[in-house]
Amino acid sequence: MTIAENSGTNEFGGFGQRLRHRLEPGQGARPDRPSDPTWTIQRKLSMNATTLALLEKVAQAISTDERRVSPMQIAALLIEDATHGLAEHLKEN
């Protein structure tokens, strides 16, 4: 049972639902690991232990028995959201 199920509500609302919806069964070397097929570039992302711990907590809360979410998938979606917001801001200015 996940944290979200234990609390009776998903405190991350639409974010978790949106991420789980984007993930599809993996192809190739890791078919058991769902991913977003539009994520075609893989890079290492440096962070401190506190940030990783928070991403792990969010991933656990968003995951369901049917769809596991990794901390790096959370990070990828947060980065995409931030860059889309930045692009909109730059267009306005």
PDB file of N, CA and C in Angstrom:
ATOM      1  N   MET A   1       0.851  -1.179   0.000  1.00  0.00           N
ATOM      2  CA  MET A   1       0.000   0.000   0.000  1.00  0.00           C
ATOM      3  C   MET A   1       0.894   1.239   0.000  1.00  0.00           C
ATOM      4  N   THR A   2       0.553   2.245  -0.803  1.00  0.00           N
ATOM      5  CA  THR A   2       1.365   3.451  -0.921  1.00  0.00           C
ATOM      6  C   THR A   2       0.991   4.467   0.149  1.00  0.00           C
ATOM      7  N   ILE A   3       1.821   5.485   0.297  1.00  0.00           N
ATOM      8  CA  ILE A   3       1.530   6.574   1.234  1.00  0.00           C
ATOM      9  C   ILE A   3       0.200   7.222   0.892  1.00  0.00           C
ATOM     10  N   ALA A   4      -0.042   7.451  -0.395  1.00  0.00           N
ATOM     11  CA  ALA A   4      -1.282   8.097  -0.818  1.00  0.00           C
ATOM     12  C   ALA A   4      -2.490   7.268  -0.418  1.00  0.00           C
ATOM     13  N   GLU A   5      -2.397   5.954  -0.556  1.00  0.00           N
ATOM     14  CA  GLU A   5      -3.515   5.094  -0.177  1.00  0.00           C
ATOM     15  C   GLU A   5      -3.693   5.082   1.335  1.00  0.00           C
ATOM     16  N   ASN A   6      -2.592   5.114   2.070  1.00  0.00           N
ATOM     17  CA  ASN A   6      -2.679   5.132   3.527  1.00  0.00           C
ATOM     18  C   ASN A   6      -3.360   6.389   4.032  1.00  0.00           C
ATOM     19  N   SER A   7      -3.094   7.523   3.407  1.00  0.00           N
ATOM     20  CA  SER A   7      -3.672   8.777   3.873  1.00  0.00           C
ATOM     21  C   SER A   7      -5.093   8.973   3.372  1.00  0.00           C
ATOM     22  N   GLY A   8      -5.511   8.176   2.395  1.00  0.00           N
ATOM     23  CA  GLY A   8      -6.863   8.297   1.864  1.00  0.00           C
ATOM     24  C   GLY A   8      -6.989   9.332   0.766  1.00  0.00           C
ATOM     25  N   THR A   9      -5.971  10.154   0.556  1.00  0.00           N
ATOM     26  CA  THR A   9      -5.989  11.151  -0.513  1.00  0.00           C
ATOM     27  C   THR A   9      -4.614  11.194  -1.148  1.00  0.00           C
ATOM     28  N   ASN A  10      -4.567  11.650  -2.377  1.00  0.00           N
ATOM     29  CA  ASN A  10      -3.280  11.827  -3.038  1.00  0.00           C
ATOM     30  C   ASN A  10      -2.938  13.303  -2.972  1.00  0.00           C
ATOM     31  N   GLU A  11      -2.027  13.654  -2.070  1.00  0.00           N
ATOM     32  CA  GLU A  11      -1.693  15.049  -1.847  1.00  0.00           C
ATOM     33  C   GLU A  11      -1.022  15.699  -3.054  1.00  0.00           C
ATOM     34  N   PHE A  12      -0.622  14.920  -4.036  1.00  0.00           N
ATOM     35  CA  PHE A  12       0.033  15.471  -5.213  1.00  0.00           C
ATOM     36  C   PHE A  12      -0.918  15.595  -6.393  1.00  0.00           C
ATOM     37  N   GLY A  13      -2.161  15.234  -6.195  1.00  0.00           N
ATOM     38  CA  GLY A  13      -3.231  15.451  -7.149  1.00  0.00           C
ATOM     39  C   GLY A  13      -2.895  15.169  -8.588  1.00  0.00           C
ATOM     40  N   GLY A  14      -3.126  16.166  -9.425  1.00  0.00           N
ATOM     41  CA  GLY A  14      -2.978  16.024 -10.865  1.00  0.00           C
ATOM     42  C   GLY A  14      -1.566  15.716 -11.318  1.00  0.00           C
ATOM     43  N   PHE A  15      -0.562  16.134 -10.547  1.00  0.00           N
ATOM     44  CA  PHE A  15       0.821  15.877 -10.945  1.00  0.00           C
ATOM     45  C   PHE A  15       1.080  14.383 -11.063  1.00  0.00           C
ATOM     46  N   GLY A  16       0.709  13.642 -10.047  1.00  0.00           N
ATOM     47  CA  GLY A  16       0.916  12.192 -10.069  1.00  0.00           C
ATOM     48  C   GLY A  16       0.107  11.512 -11.145  1.00  0.00           C
ATOM     49  N   GLN A  17      -1.131  11.930 -11.295  1.00  0.00           N
ATOM     50  CA  GLN A  17      -1.993  11.339 -12.322  1.00  0.00           C
ATOM     51  C   GLN A  17      -1.426  11.618 -13.711  1.00  0.00           C
ATOM     52  N   ARG A  18      -0.952  12.834 -13.918  1.00  0.00           N
ATOM     53  CA  ARG A  18      -0.386  13.202 -15.223  1.00  0.00           C
ATOM     54  C   ARG A  18       0.863  12.381 -15.520  1.00  0.00           C
ATOM     55  N   LEU A  19       1.730  12.198 -14.530  1.00  0.00           N
ATOM     56  CA  LEU A  19       2.945  11.417 -14.753  1.00  0.00           C
ATOM     57  C   LEU A  19       2.619   9.954 -15.018  1.00  0.00           C
ATOM     58  N   ARG A  20       1.756   9.362 -14.205  1.00  0.00           N
ATOM     59  CA  ARG A  20       1.401   7.949 -14.420  1.00  0.00           C
ATOM     60  C   ARG A  20       0.771   7.749 -15.796  1.00  0.00           C
ATOM     61  N   HIS A  21      -0.013   8.724 -16.251  1.00  0.00           N
ATOM     62  CA  HIS A  21      -0.664   8.614 -17.563  1.00  0.00           C
ATOM     63  C   HIS A  21       0.356   8.653 -18.697  1.00  0.00           C
ATOM     64  N   ARG A  22       1.433   9.418 -18.534  1.00  0.00           N
ATOM     65  CA  ARG A  22       2.447   9.550 -19.584  1.00  0.00           C
ATOM     66  C   ARG A  22       3.328   8.318 -19.715  1.00  0.00           C
ATOM     67  N   LEU A  23       3.447   7.539 -18.652  1.00  0.00           N
ATOM     68  CA  LEU A  23       4.352   6.394 -18.668  1.00  0.00           C
ATOM     69  C   LEU A  23       3.753   5.235 -19.444  1.00  0.00           C
ATOM     70  N   GLU A  24       4.564   4.643 -20.295  1.00  0.00           N
ATOM     71  CA  GLU A  24       4.160   3.482 -21.083  1.00  0.00           C
ATOM     72  C   GLU A  24       5.141   2.351 -20.809  1.00  0.00           C
ATOM     73  N   PRO A  25       4.716   1.100 -21.014  1.00  0.00           N
ATOM     74  CA  PRO A  25       5.654  -0.014 -20.810  1.00  0.00           C
ATOM     75  C   PRO A  25       6.937   0.207 -21.599  1.00  0.00           C
ATOM     76  N   GLY A  26       8.051  -0.088 -20.962  1.00  0.00           N
ATOM     77  CA  GLY A  26       9.339   0.121 -21.594  1.00  0.00           C
ATOM     78  C   GLY A  26       9.572  -0.804 -22.779  1.00  0.00           C
ATOM     79  N   GLN A  27      10.469  -0.391 -23.641  1.00  0.00           N
ATOM     80  CA  GLN A  27      10.859  -1.173 -24.809  1.00  0.00           C
ATOM     81  C   GLN A  27      12.348  -1.487 -24.687  1.00  0.00           C
ATOM     82  N   GLY A  28      12.797  -2.482 -25.377  1.00  0.00           N
ATOM     83  CA  GLY A  28      14.227  -2.763 -25.456  1.00  0.00           C
ATOM     84  C   GLY A  28      14.782  -3.459 -24.236  1.00  0.00           C
ATOM     85  N   ALA A  29      15.910  -2.954 -23.750  1.00  0.00           N
ATOM     86  CA  ALA A  29      16.672  -3.631 -22.709  1.00  0.00           C
ATOM     87  C   ALA A  29      15.935  -3.727 -21.374  1.00  0.00           C
ATOM     88  N   ARG A  30      15.022  -2.804 -21.079  1.00  0.00           N
ATOM     89  CA  ARG A  30      14.319  -2.815 -19.792  1.00  0.00           C
ATOM     90  C   ARG A  30      12.815  -2.729 -20.012  1.00  0.00           C
ATOM     91  N   PRO A  31      12.204  -3.769 -20.565  1.00  0.00           N
ATOM     92  CA  PRO A  31      10.779  -3.704 -20.895  1.00  0.00           C
ATOM     93  C   PRO A  31       9.867  -3.593 -19.681  1.00  0.00           C
ATOM     94  N   ASP A  32      10.378  -3.929 -18.497  1.00  0.00           N
ATOM     95  CA  ASP A  32       9.545  -3.862 -17.297  1.00  0.00           C
ATOM     96  C   ASP A  32       9.507  -2.467 -16.682  1.00  0.00           C
ATOM     97  N   ARG A  33      10.308  -1.543 -17.171  1.00  0.00           N
ATOM     98  CA  ARG A  33      10.372  -0.202 -16.600  1.00  0.00           C
ATOM     99  C   ARG A  33       9.602   0.780 -17.482  1.00  0.00           C
ATOM    100  N   PRO A  34       8.425   1.251 -17.025  1.00  0.00           N
ATOM    101  CA  PRO A  34       7.674   2.203 -17.833  1.00  0.00           C
ATOM    102  C   PRO A  34       8.385   3.546 -17.913  1.00  0.00           C
ATOM    103  N   SER A  35       8.215   4.207 -19.038  1.00  0.00           N
ATOM    104  CA  SER A  35       8.828   5.510 -19.249  1.00  0.00           C
ATOM    105  C   SER A  35       7.978   6.307 -20.224  1.00  0.00           C
ATOM    106  N   ASP A  36       8.256   7.580 -20.323  1.00  0.00           N
ATOM    107  CA  ASP A  36       7.599   8.437 -21.299  1.00  0.00           C
ATOM    108  C   ASP A  36       8.348   8.275 -22.620  1.00  0.00           C
ATOM    109  N   PRO A  37       7.676   7.845 -23.686  1.00  0.00           N
ATOM    110  CA  PRO A  37       8.379   7.609 -24.952  1.00  0.00           C
ATOM    111  C   PRO A  37       8.975   8.872 -25.573  1.00  0.00           C
ATOM    112  N   THR A  38       8.545  10.060 -25.126  1.00  0.00           N
ATOM    113  CA  THR A  38       9.124  11.292 -25.668  1.00  0.00           C
ATOM    114  C   THR A  38      10.458  11.628 -25.007  1.00  0.00           C
ATOM    115  N   TRP A  39      10.797  10.930 -23.921  1.00  0.00           N
ATOM    116  CA  TRP A  39      12.083  11.165 -23.272  1.00  0.00           C
ATOM    117  C   TRP A  39      13.138  10.350 -24.008  1.00  0.00           C
ATOM    118  N   THR A  40      13.772  10.963 -24.977  1.00  0.00           N
ATOM    119  CA  THR A  40      14.731  10.263 -25.828  1.00  0.00           C
ATOM    120  C   THR A  40      16.179  10.545 -25.446  1.00  0.00           C
ATOM    121  N   ILE A  41      16.400  11.501 -24.568  1.00  0.00           N
ATOM    122  CA  ILE A  41      17.754  11.857 -24.150  1.00  0.00           C
ATOM    123  C   ILE A  41      17.911  11.521 -22.675  1.00  0.00           C
ATOM    124  N   GLN A  42      19.001  10.831 -22.352  1.00  0.00           N
ATOM    125  CA  GLN A  42      19.269  10.476 -20.956  1.00  0.00           C
ATOM    126  C   GLN A  42      20.563  11.139 -20.519  1.00  0.00           C
ATOM    127  N   ARG A  43      20.489  11.876 -19.429  1.00  0.00           N
ATOM    128  CA  ARG A  43      21.648  12.551 -18.854  1.00  0.00           C
ATOM    129  C   ARG A  43      21.680  12.287 -17.356  1.00  0.00           C
ATOM    130  N   LYS A  44      22.840  12.400 -16.797  1.00  0.00           N
ATOM    131  CA  LYS A  44      22.959  12.315 -15.342  1.00  0.00           C
ATOM    132  C   LYS A  44      22.554  13.660 -14.753  1.00  0.00           C
ATOM    133  N   LEU A  45      21.890  13.611 -13.616  1.00  0.00           N
ATOM    134  CA  LEU A  45      21.437  14.821 -12.944  1.00  0.00           C
ATOM    135  C   LEU A  45      22.006  14.827 -11.530  1.00  0.00           C
ATOM    136  N   SER A  46      22.877  15.772 -11.259  1.00  0.00           N
ATOM    137  CA  SER A  46      23.470  15.873  -9.927  1.00  0.00           C
ATOM    138  C   SER A  46      22.495  16.552  -8.976  1.00  0.00           C
ATOM    139  N   MET A  47      22.494  16.100  -7.720  1.00  0.00           N
ATOM    140  CA  MET A  47      21.642  16.712  -6.696  1.00  0.00           C
ATOM    141  C   MET A  47      22.189  16.338  -5.336  1.00  0.00           C
ATOM    142  N   ASN A  48      21.719  17.033  -4.316  1.00  0.00           N
ATOM    143  CA  ASN A  48      22.154  16.688  -2.965  1.00  0.00           C
ATOM    144  C   ASN A  48      21.231  15.632  -2.372  1.00  0.00           C
ATOM    145  N   ALA A  49      21.645  15.079  -1.247  1.00  0.00           N
ATOM    146  CA  ALA A  49      20.906  13.979  -0.626  1.00  0.00           C
ATOM    147  C   ALA A  49      19.505  14.398  -0.186  1.00  0.00           C
ATOM    148  N   THR A  50      19.346  15.638   0.239  1.00  0.00           N
ATOM    149  CA  THR A  50      18.032  16.120   0.671  1.00  0.00           C
ATOM    150  C   THR A  50      17.052  16.143  -0.495  1.00  0.00           C
ATOM    151  N   THR A  51      17.512  16.609  -1.653  1.00  0.00           N
ATOM    152  CA  THR A  51      16.657  16.649  -2.841  1.00  0.00           C
ATOM    153  C   THR A  51      16.258  15.242  -3.258  1.00  0.00           C
ATOM    154  N   LEU A  52      17.219  14.324  -3.278  1.00  0.00           N
ATOM    155  CA  LEU A  52      16.909  12.943  -3.651  1.00  0.00           C
ATOM    156  C   LEU A  52      15.911  12.329  -2.676  1.00  0.00           C
ATOM    157  N   ALA A  53      16.087  12.575  -1.391  1.00  0.00           N
ATOM    158  CA  ALA A  53      15.161  12.026  -0.393  1.00  0.00           C
ATOM    159  C   ALA A  53      13.745  12.539  -0.625  1.00  0.00           C
ATOM    160  N   LEU A  54      13.610  13.810  -0.964  1.00  0.00           N
ATOM    161  CA  LEU A  54      12.287  14.367  -1.240  1.00  0.00           C
ATOM    162  C   LEU A  54      11.688  13.746  -2.496  1.00  0.00           C
ATOM    163  N   LEU A  55      12.492  13.592  -3.550  1.00  0.00           N
ATOM    164  CA  LEU A  55      12.001  12.959  -4.776  1.00  0.00           C
ATOM    165  C   LEU A  55      11.575  11.514  -4.511  1.00  0.00           C
ATOM    166  N   GLU A  56      12.327  10.810  -3.675  1.00  0.00           N
ATOM    167  CA  GLU A  56      11.963   9.430  -3.326  1.00  0.00           C
ATOM    168  C   GLU A  56      10.635   9.390  -2.575  1.00  0.00           C
ATOM    169  N   LYS A  57      10.424  10.340  -1.676  1.00  0.00           N
ATOM    170  CA  LYS A  57       9.168  10.396  -0.920  1.00  0.00           C
ATOM    171  C   LYS A  57       7.988  10.676  -1.848  1.00  0.00           C
ATOM    172  N   VAL A  58       8.168  11.618  -2.768  1.00  0.00           N
ATOM    173  CA  VAL A  58       7.098  11.938  -3.722  1.00  0.00           C
ATOM    174  C   VAL A  58       6.830  10.745  -4.627  1.00  0.00           C
ATOM    175  N   ALA A  59       7.878  10.083  -5.107  1.00  0.00           N
ATOM    176  CA  ALA A  59       7.703   8.914  -5.978  1.00  0.00           C
ATOM    177  C   ALA A  59       6.924   7.820  -5.268  1.00  0.00           C
ATOM    178  N   GLN A  60       7.225   7.599  -4.005  1.00  0.00           N
ATOM    179  CA  GLN A  60       6.499   6.585  -3.249  1.00  0.00           C
ATOM    180  C   GLN A  60       5.029   6.975  -3.096  1.00  0.00           C
ATOM    181  N   ALA A  61       4.768   8.250  -2.856  1.00  0.00           N
ATOM    182  CA  ALA A  61       3.388   8.709  -2.676  1.00  0.00           C
ATOM    183  C   ALA A  61       2.583   8.637  -3.965  1.00  0.00           C
ATOM    184  N   ILE A  62       3.218   8.895  -5.092  1.00  0.00           N
ATOM    185  CA  ILE A  62       2.526   8.911  -6.381  1.00  0.00           C
ATOM    186  C   ILE A  62       2.353   7.507  -6.950  1.00  0.00           C
ATOM    187  N   SER A  63       3.258   6.603  -6.616  1.00  0.00           N
ATOM    188  CA  SER A  63       3.199   5.243  -7.156  1.00  0.00           C
ATOM    189  C   SER A  63       1.936   4.520  -6.707  1.00  0.00           C
ATOM    190  N   THR A  64       1.471   3.652  -7.586  1.00  0.00           N
ATOM    191  CA  THR A  64       0.358   2.767  -7.259  1.00  0.00           C
ATOM    192  C   THR A  64       0.834   1.334  -7.461  1.00  0.00           C
ATOM    193  N   ASP A  65       0.015   0.380  -7.066  1.00  0.00           N
ATOM    194  CA  ASP A  65       0.379  -1.019  -7.293  1.00  0.00           C
ATOM    195  C   ASP A  65       0.488  -1.321  -8.784  1.00  0.00           C
ATOM    196  N   GLU A  66      -0.290  -0.619  -9.599  1.00  0.00           N
ATOM    197  CA  GLU A  66      -0.283  -0.847 -11.050  1.00  0.00           C
ATOM    198  C   GLU A  66       0.839  -0.093 -11.756  1.00  0.00           C
ATOM    199  N   ARG A  67       1.272   1.039 -11.211  1.00  0.00           N
ATOM    200  CA  ARG A  67       2.254   1.875 -11.906  1.00  0.00           C
ATOM    201  C   ARG A  67       3.227   2.462 -10.900  1.00  0.00           C
ATOM    202  N   ARG A  68       4.451   1.956 -10.933  1.00  0.00           N
ATOM    203  CA  ARG A  68       5.494   2.483 -10.060  1.00  0.00           C
ATOM    204  C   ARG A  68       6.117   3.706 -10.722  1.00  0.00           C
ATOM    205  N   VAL A  69       6.442   4.689  -9.941  1.00  0.00           N
ATOM    206  CA  VAL A  69       7.061   5.917 -10.429  1.00  0.00           C
ATOM    207  C   VAL A  69       8.409   6.066  -9.728  1.00  0.00           C
ATOM    208  N   SER A  70       9.446   6.412 -10.492  1.00  0.00           N
ATOM    209  CA  SER A  70      10.778   6.551  -9.906  1.00  0.00           C
ATOM    210  C   SER A  70      11.053   8.011  -9.542  1.00  0.00           C
ATOM    211  N   PRO A  71      11.993   8.232  -8.636  1.00  0.00           N
ATOM    212  CA  PRO A  71      12.364   9.604  -8.292  1.00  0.00           C
ATOM    213  C   PRO A  71      12.848  10.406  -9.503  1.00  0.00           C
ATOM    214  N   MET A  72      13.558   9.753 -10.416  1.00  0.00           N
ATOM    215  CA  MET A  72      14.063  10.482 -11.582  1.00  0.00           C
ATOM    216  C   MET A  72      12.945  10.816 -12.574  1.00  0.00           C
ATOM    217  N   GLN A  73      11.886  10.028 -12.599  1.00  0.00           N
ATOM    218  CA  GLN A  73      10.731  10.380 -13.431  1.00  0.00           C
ATOM    219  C   GLN A  73      10.044  11.618 -12.863  1.00  0.00           C
ATOM    220  N   ILE A  74       9.988  11.722 -11.542  1.00  0.00           N
ATOM    221  CA  ILE A  74       9.458  12.927 -10.901  1.00  0.00           C
ATOM    222  C   ILE A  74      10.327  14.118 -11.295  1.00  0.00           C
ATOM    223  N   ALA A  75      11.642  13.964 -11.173  1.00  0.00           N
ATOM    224  CA  ALA A  75      12.564  15.047 -11.515  1.00  0.00           C
ATOM    225  C   ALA A  75      12.411  15.467 -12.971  1.00  0.00           C
ATOM    226  N   ALA A  76      12.279  14.509 -13.875  1.00  0.00           N
ATOM    227  CA  ALA A  76      12.142  14.830 -15.301  1.00  0.00           C
ATOM    228  C   ALA A  76      10.892  15.658 -15.565  1.00  0.00           C
ATOM    229  N   LEU A  77       9.773  15.285 -14.952  1.00  0.00           N
ATOM    230  CA  LEU A  77       8.541  16.038 -15.177  1.00  0.00           C
ATOM    231  C   LEU A  77       8.629  17.427 -14.550  1.00  0.00           C
ATOM    232  N   LEU A  78       9.239  17.539 -13.374  1.00  0.00           N
ATOM    233  CA  LEU A  78       9.422  18.853 -12.758  1.00  0.00           C
ATOM    234  C   LEU A  78      10.279  19.759 -13.642  1.00  0.00           C
ATOM    235  N   ILE A  79      11.347  19.203 -14.220  1.00  0.00           N
ATOM    236  CA  ILE A  79      12.210  19.984 -15.112  1.00  0.00           C
ATOM    237  C   ILE A  79      11.437  20.407 -16.353  1.00  0.00           C
ATOM    238  N   GLU A  80      10.653  19.495 -16.932  1.00  0.00           N
ATOM    239  CA  GLU A  80       9.853  19.854 -18.105  1.00  0.00           C
ATOM    240  C   GLU A  80       8.862  20.961 -17.776  1.00  0.00           C
ATOM    241  N   ASP A  81       8.170  20.842 -16.643  1.00  0.00           N
ATOM    242  CA  ASP A  81       7.220  21.877 -16.244  1.00  0.00           C
ATOM    243  C   ASP A  81       7.919  23.223 -16.073  1.00  0.00           C
ATOM    244  N   ALA A  82       9.080  23.211 -15.418  1.00  0.00           N
ATOM    245  CA  ALA A  82       9.817  24.453 -15.188  1.00  0.00           C
ATOM    246  C   ALA A  82      10.300  25.071 -16.497  1.00  0.00           C
ATOM    247  N   THR A  83      10.789  24.253 -17.426  1.00  0.00           N
ATOM    248  CA  THR A  83      11.280  24.811 -18.685  1.00  0.00           C
ATOM    249  C   THR A  83      10.143  25.318 -19.562  1.00  0.00           C
ATOM    250  N   HIS A  84       8.986  24.662 -19.499  1.00  0.00           N
ATOM    251  CA  HIS A  84       7.830  25.181 -20.247  1.00  0.00           C
ATOM    252  C   HIS A  84       7.412  26.535 -19.677  1.00  0.00           C
ATOM    253  N   GLY A  85       7.412  26.652 -18.360  1.00  0.00           N
ATOM    254  CA  GLY A  85       7.092  27.932 -17.726  1.00  0.00           C
ATOM    255  C   GLY A  85       8.108  28.999 -18.079  1.00  0.00           C
ATOM    256  N   LEU A  86       9.381  28.632 -18.108  1.00  0.00           N
ATOM    257  CA  LEU A  86      10.431  29.568 -18.484  1.00  0.00           C
ATOM    258  C   LEU A  86      10.264  30.016 -19.933  1.00  0.00           C
ATOM    259  N   ALA A  87       9.954  29.089 -20.820  1.00  0.00           N
ATOM    260  CA  ALA A  87       9.750  29.434 -22.233  1.00  0.00           C
ATOM    261  C   ALA A  87       8.589  30.408 -22.386  1.00  0.00           C
ATOM    262  N   GLU A  88       7.501  30.181 -21.655  1.00  0.00           N
ATOM    263  CA  GLU A  88       6.352  31.093 -21.709  1.00  0.00           C
ATOM    264  C   GLU A  88       6.743  32.474 -21.194  1.00  0.00           C
ATOM    265  N   HIS A  89       7.504  32.499 -20.114  1.00  0.00           N
ATOM    266  CA  HIS A  89       7.951  33.773 -19.544  1.00  0.00           C
ATOM    267  C   HIS A  89       8.822  34.534 -20.548  1.00  0.00           C
ATOM    268  N   LEU A  90       9.722  33.827 -21.217  1.00  0.00           N
ATOM    269  CA  LEU A  90      10.605  34.470 -22.192  1.00  0.00           C
ATOM    270  C   LEU A  90       9.830  34.990 -23.396  1.00  0.00           C
ATOM    271  N   LYS A  91       8.774  34.277 -23.803  1.00  0.00           N
ATOM    272  CA  LYS A  91       7.944  34.743 -24.922  1.00  0.00           C
ATOM    273  C   LYS A  91       7.217  36.031 -24.567  1.00  0.00           C
ATOM    274  N   GLU A  92       6.807  36.158 -23.303  1.00  0.00           N
ATOM    275  CA  GLU A  92       6.056  37.329 -22.865  1.00  0.00           C
ATOM    276  C   GLU A  92       6.944  38.557 -22.742  1.00  0.00           C
ATOM    277  N   ASN A  93       8.237  38.362 -22.528  1.00  0.00           N
ATOM    278  CA  ASN A  93       9.142  39.500 -22.303  1.00  0.00           C
ATOM    279  C   ASN A  93       9.944  39.783 -23.505  1.00  0.00           C
TER     280      ASN A  93
END
